[in-house]
Amino acid sequence: MINFRELIVWQRGHALTLRIYRSTRAFPKSELFAMTGQIRRAAASIPANIAEGCGREGEAELKRFLNISLGSACELDYFILLATELDYLAPQEAKSLSREILELRRMIGAFIRNLKERSSSPV
């Protein structure tokens, strides 16, 4: 079992989630149970799935949860685009968030590749 709190990828995902919560505070109240909730769930799903994968037994399970986390990051990226086009997010904030999401996606992808390489290399 891996302590997820020690993983930089989890730390970055958690920090992004906190930032998303702050960034969505100013969204219209009519979006609270719609887009605001969707964006927050997608963001929180990233570090939550990394944590859950770390608590499972075996690298195959960890990879599965990392892939779910990667999907959530892609979903979040779309919602940031949508929120920007609806003028809920300032373009500069959206650009900064999108860069952060892209970096996190790269980190998760590298983690998955590393696990695949470890499982395919001879002992």
N, C-alpha and C. Protein backbone atom coordinates (compact mmCIF):
# COMPACT_ATOMS: atom_id res chain seq x y z
N MET A 1 0.84 -1.18 0.00
CA MET A 1 0.00 0.00 0.00
C MET A 1 0.89 1.25 0.00
N ILE A 2 0.48 2.24 -0.78
CA ILE A 2 1.23 3.49 -0.90
C ILE A 2 0.51 4.57 -0.09
N ASN A 3 1.28 5.40 0.61
CA ASN A 3 0.69 6.53 1.32
C ASN A 3 0.44 7.64 0.29
N PHE A 4 -0.81 7.81 -0.11
CA PHE A 4 -1.14 8.76 -1.17
C PHE A 4 -0.72 10.19 -0.84
N ARG A 5 -0.72 10.54 0.45
CA ARG A 5 -0.36 11.91 0.84
C ARG A 5 1.08 12.27 0.49
N GLU A 6 1.91 11.26 0.30
CA GLU A 6 3.31 11.50 -0.04
C GLU A 6 3.53 11.68 -1.55
N LEU A 7 2.54 11.36 -2.35
CA LEU A 7 2.68 11.46 -3.81
C LEU A 7 2.48 12.90 -4.27
N ILE A 8 3.42 13.40 -5.03
CA ILE A 8 3.31 14.76 -5.55
C ILE A 8 2.08 14.89 -6.45
N VAL A 9 1.79 13.86 -7.22
CA VAL A 9 0.62 13.91 -8.10
C VAL A 9 -0.67 14.06 -7.29
N TRP A 10 -0.76 13.39 -6.16
CA TRP A 10 -1.94 13.56 -5.31
C TRP A 10 -1.96 14.97 -4.71
N GLN A 11 -0.82 15.44 -4.23
CA GLN A 11 -0.74 16.78 -3.64
C GLN A 11 -1.19 17.84 -4.64
N ARG A 12 -0.74 17.70 -5.89
CA ARG A 12 -1.13 18.66 -6.93
C ARG A 12 -2.62 18.56 -7.23
N GLY A 13 -3.15 17.34 -7.25
CA GLY A 13 -4.58 17.16 -7.48
C GLY A 13 -5.42 17.75 -6.36
N HIS A 14 -4.96 17.58 -5.15
CA HIS A 14 -5.66 18.15 -4.00
C HIS A 14 -5.63 19.67 -4.04
N ALA A 15 -4.47 20.24 -4.35
CA ALA A 15 -4.35 21.70 -4.45
C ALA A 15 -5.25 22.24 -5.56
N LEU A 16 -5.32 21.52 -6.68
CA LEU A 16 -6.20 21.93 -7.77
C LEU A 16 -7.66 21.91 -7.33
N THR A 17 -8.04 20.90 -6.59
CA THR A 17 -9.41 20.80 -6.10
C THR A 17 -9.76 21.98 -5.21
N LEU A 18 -8.87 22.33 -4.31
CA LEU A 18 -9.10 23.49 -3.45
C LEU A 18 -9.24 24.76 -4.28
N ARG A 19 -8.41 24.89 -5.29
CA ARG A 19 -8.49 26.07 -6.16
C ARG A 19 -9.80 26.10 -6.94
N ILE A 20 -10.24 24.95 -7.40
CA ILE A 20 -11.51 24.87 -8.14
C ILE A 20 -12.66 25.30 -7.23
N TYR A 21 -12.66 24.83 -6.00
CA TYR A 21 -13.73 25.23 -5.07
C TYR A 21 -13.75 26.75 -4.89
N ARG A 22 -12.57 27.34 -4.77
CA ARG A 22 -12.51 28.81 -4.62
C ARG A 22 -12.96 29.51 -5.90
N SER A 23 -12.54 29.00 -7.03
CA SER A 23 -12.86 29.63 -8.32
C SER A 23 -14.34 29.55 -8.66
N THR A 24 -15.02 28.54 -8.15
CA THR A 24 -16.44 28.38 -8.49
C THR A 24 -17.39 29.06 -7.49
N ARG A 25 -16.85 29.67 -6.46
CA ARG A 25 -17.70 30.35 -5.47
C ARG A 25 -18.54 31.47 -6.10
N ALA A 26 -17.99 32.10 -7.12
CA ALA A 26 -18.68 33.24 -7.74
C ALA A 26 -19.62 32.83 -8.88
N PHE A 27 -19.73 31.53 -9.14
CA PHE A 27 -20.65 31.08 -10.19
C PHE A 27 -22.08 31.45 -9.80
N PRO A 28 -22.95 31.60 -10.77
CA PRO A 28 -24.35 31.94 -10.45
C PRO A 28 -24.97 30.90 -9.51
N LYS A 29 -25.80 31.38 -8.60
CA LYS A 29 -26.46 30.47 -7.64
C LYS A 29 -27.32 29.44 -8.37
N SER A 30 -27.82 29.81 -9.54
CA SER A 30 -28.65 28.88 -10.32
C SER A 30 -27.85 27.67 -10.80
N GLU A 31 -26.52 27.78 -10.79
CA GLU A 31 -25.65 26.69 -11.23
C GLU A 31 -25.14 25.82 -10.08
N LEU A 32 -25.53 26.15 -8.86
CA LEU A 32 -24.99 25.45 -7.70
C LEU A 32 -25.14 23.93 -7.80
N PHE A 33 -26.31 23.45 -8.20
CA PHE A 33 -26.54 22.01 -8.28
C PHE A 33 -26.35 21.47 -9.69
N ALA A 34 -25.91 22.34 -10.58
CA ALA A 34 -25.65 21.93 -11.97
C ALA A 34 -24.14 21.99 -12.22
N MET A 35 -23.72 22.99 -12.95
CA MET A 35 -22.32 23.06 -13.36
C MET A 35 -21.35 23.17 -12.18
N THR A 36 -21.67 23.97 -11.20
CA THR A 36 -20.76 24.12 -10.05
C THR A 36 -20.51 22.77 -9.40
N GLY A 37 -21.57 22.02 -9.17
CA GLY A 37 -21.43 20.70 -8.57
C GLY A 37 -20.65 19.74 -9.45
N GLN A 38 -20.91 19.79 -10.76
CA GLN A 38 -20.21 18.91 -11.70
C GLN A 38 -18.70 19.20 -11.70
N ILE A 39 -18.36 20.48 -11.76
CA ILE A 39 -16.95 20.87 -11.79
C ILE A 39 -16.26 20.43 -10.49
N ARG A 40 -16.90 20.68 -9.38
CA ARG A 40 -16.30 20.31 -8.10
C ARG A 40 -16.15 18.80 -7.96
N ARG A 41 -17.15 18.05 -8.41
CA ARG A 41 -17.06 16.58 -8.34
C ARG A 41 -15.93 16.06 -9.22
N ALA A 42 -15.83 16.61 -10.43
CA ALA A 42 -14.76 16.17 -11.34
C ALA A 42 -13.39 16.46 -10.73
N ALA A 43 -13.24 17.66 -10.16
CA ALA A 43 -11.96 18.03 -9.54
C ALA A 43 -11.63 17.12 -8.36
N ALA A 44 -12.58 16.92 -7.48
CA ALA A 44 -12.35 16.10 -6.29
C ALA A 44 -12.11 14.64 -6.65
N SER A 45 -12.66 14.21 -7.77
CA SER A 45 -12.49 12.83 -8.21
C SER A 45 -11.04 12.51 -8.57
N ILE A 46 -10.30 13.52 -8.97
CA ILE A 46 -8.90 13.28 -9.37
C ILE A 46 -8.07 12.79 -8.18
N PRO A 47 -7.94 13.57 -7.10
CA PRO A 47 -7.14 13.06 -5.98
C PRO A 47 -7.84 11.92 -5.23
N ALA A 48 -9.17 11.90 -5.24
CA ALA A 48 -9.88 10.83 -4.54
C ALA A 48 -9.58 9.47 -5.17
N ASN A 49 -9.55 9.42 -6.49
CA ASN A 49 -9.25 8.14 -7.16
C ASN A 49 -7.79 7.75 -7.02
N ILE A 50 -6.90 8.74 -6.97
CA ILE A 50 -5.50 8.42 -6.71
C ILE A 50 -5.39 7.80 -5.31
N ALA A 51 -6.05 8.41 -4.34
CA ALA A 51 -6.02 7.90 -2.96
C ALA A 51 -6.62 6.50 -2.89
N GLU A 52 -7.76 6.31 -3.55
CA GLU A 52 -8.40 4.99 -3.50
C GLU A 52 -7.52 3.92 -4.14
N GLY A 53 -6.90 4.26 -5.26
CA GLY A 53 -6.01 3.31 -5.92
C GLY A 53 -4.84 2.92 -5.05
N CYS A 54 -4.33 3.88 -4.29
CA CYS A 54 -3.21 3.60 -3.38
C CYS A 54 -3.62 2.67 -2.25
N GLY A 55 -4.89 2.66 -1.93
CA GLY A 55 -5.38 1.80 -0.85
C GLY A 55 -5.76 0.40 -1.31
N ARG A 56 -5.71 0.17 -2.59
CA ARG A 56 -6.04 -1.15 -3.14
C ARG A 56 -4.80 -2.02 -3.18
N GLU A 57 -5.04 -3.29 -3.37
CA GLU A 57 -3.94 -4.23 -3.42
C GLU A 57 -3.51 -4.46 -4.86
N GLY A 58 -2.27 -4.24 -5.14
CA GLY A 58 -1.72 -4.53 -6.45
C GLY A 58 -1.69 -3.33 -7.38
N GLU A 59 -0.72 -3.38 -8.28
CA GLU A 59 -0.53 -2.28 -9.22
C GLU A 59 -1.62 -2.23 -10.28
N ALA A 60 -2.24 -3.34 -10.60
CA ALA A 60 -3.31 -3.34 -11.59
C ALA A 60 -4.48 -2.48 -11.11
N GLU A 61 -4.80 -2.62 -9.83
CA GLU A 61 -5.89 -1.81 -9.26
C GLU A 61 -5.50 -0.34 -9.21
N LEU A 62 -4.25 -0.06 -8.85
CA LEU A 62 -3.77 1.31 -8.82
C LEU A 62 -3.88 1.93 -10.21
N LYS A 63 -3.43 1.20 -11.23
CA LYS A 63 -3.51 1.72 -12.61
C LYS A 63 -4.95 2.00 -13.00
N ARG A 64 -5.86 1.12 -12.62
CA ARG A 64 -7.28 1.31 -12.95
C ARG A 64 -7.80 2.62 -12.36
N PHE A 65 -7.47 2.88 -11.10
CA PHE A 65 -7.95 4.11 -10.46
C PHE A 65 -7.22 5.35 -11.00
N LEU A 66 -5.98 5.19 -11.40
CA LEU A 66 -5.27 6.31 -12.04
C LEU A 66 -5.91 6.66 -13.37
N ASN A 67 -6.36 5.65 -14.10
CA ASN A 67 -7.06 5.91 -15.36
C ASN A 67 -8.39 6.62 -15.13
N ILE A 68 -9.08 6.26 -14.08
CA ILE A 68 -10.33 6.96 -13.73
C ILE A 68 -10.01 8.42 -13.39
N SER A 69 -8.93 8.62 -12.65
CA SER A 69 -8.49 9.96 -12.28
C SER A 69 -8.16 10.78 -13.53
N LEU A 70 -7.51 10.16 -14.48
CA LEU A 70 -7.17 10.82 -15.74
C LEU A 70 -8.44 11.23 -16.50
N GLY A 71 -9.44 10.36 -16.50
CA GLY A 71 -10.71 10.70 -17.13
C GLY A 71 -11.38 11.88 -16.45
N SER A 72 -11.31 11.93 -15.15
CA SER A 72 -11.89 13.05 -14.40
C SER A 72 -11.18 14.36 -14.73
N ALA A 73 -9.86 14.28 -14.92
CA ALA A 73 -9.09 15.48 -15.28
C ALA A 73 -9.52 16.00 -16.66
N CYS A 74 -9.76 15.09 -17.58
CA CYS A 74 -10.24 15.49 -18.91
C CYS A 74 -11.64 16.11 -18.82
N GLU A 75 -12.49 15.51 -18.01
CA GLU A 75 -13.84 16.05 -17.78
C GLU A 75 -13.75 17.45 -17.19
N LEU A 76 -12.89 17.64 -16.22
CA LEU A 76 -12.72 18.94 -15.59
C LEU A 76 -12.24 19.98 -16.60
N ASP A 77 -11.32 19.58 -17.46
CA ASP A 77 -10.81 20.49 -18.48
C ASP A 77 -11.95 20.99 -19.38
N TYR A 78 -12.84 20.09 -19.74
CA TYR A 78 -13.99 20.50 -20.55
C TYR A 78 -14.88 21.49 -19.79
N PHE A 79 -15.16 21.20 -18.54
CA PHE A 79 -16.02 22.09 -17.76
C PHE A 79 -15.41 23.49 -17.59
N ILE A 80 -14.09 23.55 -17.51
CA ILE A 80 -13.43 24.85 -17.43
C ILE A 80 -13.65 25.62 -18.73
N LEU A 81 -13.53 24.93 -19.85
CA LEU A 81 -13.81 25.55 -21.15
C LEU A 81 -15.24 26.06 -21.21
N LEU A 82 -16.18 25.22 -20.81
CA LEU A 82 -17.60 25.59 -20.84
C LEU A 82 -17.88 26.78 -19.93
N ALA A 83 -17.35 26.74 -18.73
CA ALA A 83 -17.56 27.84 -17.78
C ALA A 83 -17.00 29.16 -18.31
N THR A 84 -15.89 29.06 -19.02
CA THR A 84 -15.29 30.27 -19.59
C THR A 84 -16.18 30.83 -20.71
N GLU A 85 -16.66 29.96 -21.56
CA GLU A 85 -17.50 30.41 -22.67
C GLU A 85 -18.86 30.93 -22.20
N LEU A 86 -19.27 30.54 -21.01
CA LEU A 86 -20.50 31.07 -20.40
C LEU A 86 -20.22 32.30 -19.55
N ASP A 87 -18.98 32.75 -19.56
CA ASP A 87 -18.54 33.92 -18.79
C ASP A 87 -18.67 33.74 -17.28
N TYR A 88 -18.52 32.50 -16.81
CA TYR A 88 -18.51 32.24 -15.37
C TYR A 88 -17.09 32.36 -14.81
N LEU A 89 -16.11 32.16 -15.68
CA LEU A 89 -14.70 32.25 -15.28
C LEU A 89 -14.01 33.29 -16.16
N ALA A 90 -13.14 34.06 -15.56
CA ALA A 90 -12.33 35.01 -16.32
C ALA A 90 -11.36 34.23 -17.21
N PRO A 91 -11.12 34.70 -18.41
CA PRO A 91 -10.23 33.97 -19.33
C PRO A 91 -8.84 33.67 -18.74
N GLN A 92 -8.27 34.60 -17.99
CA GLN A 92 -6.94 34.36 -17.40
C GLN A 92 -6.99 33.25 -16.35
N GLU A 93 -8.03 33.24 -15.54
CA GLU A 93 -8.19 32.19 -14.53
C GLU A 93 -8.38 30.84 -15.22
N ALA A 94 -9.19 30.83 -16.26
CA ALA A 94 -9.44 29.58 -17.00
C ALA A 94 -8.16 29.06 -17.64
N LYS A 95 -7.38 29.96 -18.21
CA LYS A 95 -6.13 29.57 -18.85
C LYS A 95 -5.17 28.97 -17.82
N SER A 96 -5.09 29.60 -16.67
CA SER A 96 -4.23 29.10 -15.60
C SER A 96 -4.69 27.73 -15.10
N LEU A 97 -6.00 27.58 -14.91
CA LEU A 97 -6.55 26.29 -14.48
C LEU A 97 -6.30 25.21 -15.53
N SER A 98 -6.49 25.55 -16.79
CA SER A 98 -6.27 24.57 -17.86
C SER A 98 -4.82 24.12 -17.91
N ARG A 99 -3.90 25.04 -17.71
CA ARG A 99 -2.47 24.67 -17.67
C ARG A 99 -2.20 23.71 -16.51
N GLU A 100 -2.80 24.01 -15.38
CA GLU A 100 -2.62 23.16 -14.19
C GLU A 100 -3.20 21.76 -14.44
N ILE A 101 -4.37 21.72 -15.06
CA ILE A 101 -5.00 20.43 -15.37
C ILE A 101 -4.14 19.64 -16.35
N LEU A 102 -3.63 20.30 -17.37
CA LEU A 102 -2.77 19.63 -18.36
C LEU A 102 -1.53 19.05 -17.68
N GLU A 103 -0.92 19.81 -16.81
CA GLU A 103 0.26 19.32 -16.09
C GLU A 103 -0.09 18.11 -15.23
N LEU A 104 -1.23 18.17 -14.58
CA LEU A 104 -1.67 17.05 -13.75
C LEU A 104 -1.96 15.81 -14.61
N ARG A 105 -2.57 16.02 -15.76
CA ARG A 105 -2.82 14.89 -16.68
C ARG A 105 -1.51 14.25 -17.11
N ARG A 106 -0.51 15.07 -17.37
CA ARG A 106 0.81 14.54 -17.76
C ARG A 106 1.42 13.74 -16.62
N MET A 107 1.29 14.24 -15.41
CA MET A 107 1.85 13.54 -14.24
C MET A 107 1.16 12.20 -14.03
N ILE A 108 -0.15 12.18 -14.15
CA ILE A 108 -0.89 10.92 -13.98
C ILE A 108 -0.49 9.94 -15.09
N GLY A 109 -0.41 10.43 -16.31
CA GLY A 109 0.00 9.57 -17.43
C GLY A 109 1.39 8.99 -17.22
N ALA A 110 2.31 9.81 -16.73
CA ALA A 110 3.67 9.32 -16.46
C ALA A 110 3.66 8.27 -15.34
N PHE A 111 2.83 8.48 -14.35
CA PHE A 111 2.71 7.50 -13.25
C PHE A 111 2.20 6.17 -13.80
N ILE A 112 1.20 6.22 -14.65
CA ILE A 112 0.64 5.00 -15.26
C ILE A 112 1.71 4.31 -16.10
N ARG A 113 2.41 5.07 -16.93
CA ARG A 113 3.47 4.47 -17.76
C ARG A 113 4.56 3.83 -16.91
N ASN A 114 4.92 4.49 -15.81
CA ASN A 114 5.93 3.96 -14.92
C ASN A 114 5.48 2.62 -14.33
N LEU A 115 4.23 2.56 -13.93
CA LEU A 115 3.71 1.31 -13.37
C LEU A 115 3.69 0.21 -14.42
N LYS A 116 3.32 0.55 -15.65
CA LYS A 116 3.29 -0.44 -16.75
C LYS A 116 4.69 -0.97 -17.02
N GLU A 117 5.67 -0.06 -17.05
CA GLU A 117 7.06 -0.46 -17.30
C GLU A 117 7.57 -1.37 -16.19
N ARG A 118 7.22 -1.04 -14.95
CA ARG A 118 7.66 -1.87 -13.82
C ARG A 118 7.06 -3.26 -13.89
N SER A 119 5.80 -3.34 -14.33
CA SER A 119 5.14 -4.65 -14.35
C SER A 119 5.58 -5.48 -15.55
N SER A 120 6.12 -4.84 -16.60
CA SER A 120 6.52 -5.59 -17.78
C SER A 120 8.02 -5.91 -17.82
N SER A 121 8.79 -5.29 -16.91
CA SER A 121 10.23 -5.56 -16.93
C SER A 121 10.53 -6.87 -16.18
N PRO A 122 11.53 -7.61 -16.69
CA PRO A 122 11.87 -8.88 -16.01
C PRO A 122 12.49 -8.64 -14.64
N VAL A 123 12.24 -9.54 -13.75
CA VAL A 123 12.73 -9.42 -12.37
C VAL A 123 14.13 -9.94 -12.25
